[in-house]
Structure formats: C-alpha cells, structure tokens
Amino acid sequence: MSTARHGEQSAFERIGGRDGLRRLAVRFYEIMEVRPDAAGIRAMHKSDLGPIAASLAEFLMGWIGGPRDWFMREGRPCIMSLHRALPIG
C-alpha cells in the first residue's frame, strides 16, 4: 500500500526501493563493524552480518511502505520482542 499521492514517489521509491534499502542496511552494519562506540552492540551479533543486514532491509521495506514480506512471515515475532532481551541503552 502506497501513501504517495498520484504522480509522487513513495518514500520506498525515493530511497531506491529494495536495492536502496539493502545498500542502507549493509552500510549500517559496515559502520557498526568499525566504530569503537558500537563495539558493544556489534558483539551481540554473529560474526557474519549478512543475514542480519538482509533481515533489517526487509523490515525497513515493510516499515517504509514497500513490500511487507518480513511482517507476513509466519511465526515472525514483533521487532520489540526481538530486542527485548538485548542490553541496549
């Protein structure tokens, strides 16, 4: 469902669609990998950040108005539940 008016691009389209969000998610984790102030959060992740970057991109797609595949997966917990046990300040 798009909230853009006729003739306007949606936020999903403006950010570059699926590919733009994938690039954004990959870049987010690249930055996390090298920033000393992100070391604590980085340590909460597995060594291979590829799967979590893909999941973040899919989550953002649905959140920003694109395909809602991440949200439609059976058994998918809510994003708050996924982070509840993590000590993020």
Protein backbone atom coordinates (compact mmCIF):
# COMPACT_ATOMS: atom_id res chain seq x y z
CA MET A 1 0.00 0.00 0.00
CA SER A 2 1.50 3.32 -1.03
CA THR A 3 0.75 6.57 0.76
CA ALA A 4 2.19 8.70 -2.04
CA ARG A 5 -0.15 10.96 -3.94
CA HIS A 6 -0.76 10.40 -7.63
CA GLY A 7 2.39 11.31 -9.56
CA GLU A 8 4.60 11.37 -6.45
CA GLN A 9 7.10 8.74 -5.48
CA SER A 10 6.58 6.91 -2.20
CA ALA A 11 9.29 7.02 0.46
CA PHE A 12 10.13 3.43 -0.53
CA GLU A 13 10.67 4.52 -4.13
CA ARG A 14 12.63 7.66 -3.18
CA ILE A 15 15.08 5.68 -1.08
CA GLY A 16 15.79 3.40 -4.02
CA GLY A 17 13.34 0.59 -3.38
CA ARG A 18 14.54 -2.84 -2.40
CA ASP A 19 18.10 -2.22 -3.63
CA GLY A 20 18.38 1.13 -1.84
CA LEU A 21 17.29 -0.38 1.45
CA ARG A 22 19.68 -3.30 1.04
CA ARG A 23 22.54 -0.85 0.50
CA LEU A 24 21.43 1.15 3.55
CA ALA A 25 21.31 -1.94 5.77
CA VAL A 26 24.69 -3.20 4.57
CA ARG A 27 26.23 0.23 5.13
CA PHE A 28 24.72 0.42 8.63
CA TYR A 29 26.44 -2.83 9.60
CA GLU A 30 29.69 -1.81 7.88
CA ILE A 31 29.76 1.28 10.10
CA MET A 32 28.88 -0.78 13.16
CA GLU A 33 31.82 -3.06 12.37
CA VAL A 34 34.40 -0.27 12.62
CA ARG A 35 33.06 2.25 15.14
CA PRO A 36 34.51 1.77 18.61
CA ASP A 37 31.35 3.19 20.18
CA ALA A 38 29.31 0.43 18.50
CA ALA A 39 31.53 -2.42 19.76
CA GLY A 40 29.06 -3.47 22.47
CA ILE A 41 26.16 -3.74 20.05
CA ARG A 42 28.38 -5.41 17.44
CA ALA A 43 29.31 -8.08 19.99
CA MET A 44 25.60 -9.02 20.27
CA HIS A 45 25.62 -10.18 16.63
CA LYS A 46 27.05 -13.26 14.96
CA SER A 47 30.32 -12.90 13.06
CA ASP A 48 28.54 -12.97 9.68
CA LEU A 49 26.45 -9.80 9.44
CA GLY A 50 24.99 -10.72 6.04
CA PRO A 51 21.83 -12.41 7.32
CA ILE A 52 21.01 -9.66 9.82
CA ALA A 53 21.61 -6.96 7.19
CA ALA A 54 19.19 -8.77 4.87
CA SER A 55 16.61 -9.01 7.66
CA LEU A 56 16.97 -5.31 8.50
CA ALA A 57 16.50 -4.38 4.84
CA GLU A 58 13.33 -6.48 4.66
CA PHE A 59 11.99 -4.99 7.90
CA LEU A 60 12.66 -1.46 6.65
CA MET A 61 10.95 -2.22 3.32
CA GLY A 62 7.68 -3.00 5.07
CA TRP A 63 8.07 -0.19 7.57
CA ILE A 64 8.66 2.46 4.88
CA GLY A 65 5.78 1.38 2.66
CA GLY A 66 7.28 -1.25 0.39
CA PRO A 67 6.65 -4.99 0.32
CA ARG A 68 5.71 -6.33 3.76
CA ASP A 69 7.34 -9.75 3.36
CA TRP A 70 9.19 -9.51 6.69
CA PHE A 71 5.95 -8.85 8.55
CA MET A 72 3.99 -11.55 6.75
CA ARG A 73 6.32 -14.44 7.59
CA GLU A 74 4.61 -16.98 9.80
CA GLY A 75 5.94 -17.03 13.33
CA ARG A 76 7.72 -13.71 12.98
CA PRO A 77 7.93 -12.04 16.43
CA CYS A 78 7.46 -8.32 16.73
CA ILE A 79 10.57 -6.16 16.46
CA MET A 80 10.29 -5.12 20.11
CA SER A 81 10.25 -8.77 21.21
CA LEU A 82 13.37 -9.46 19.18
CA HIS A 83 15.27 -6.72 21.01
CA ARG A 84 13.73 -7.01 24.49
CA ALA A 85 16.44 -9.31 25.90
CA LEU A 86 19.32 -7.25 24.49
CA PRO A 87 21.03 -4.78 26.84
CA ILE A 88 20.85 -1.75 24.56
CA GLY A 89 20.95 1.61 26.32
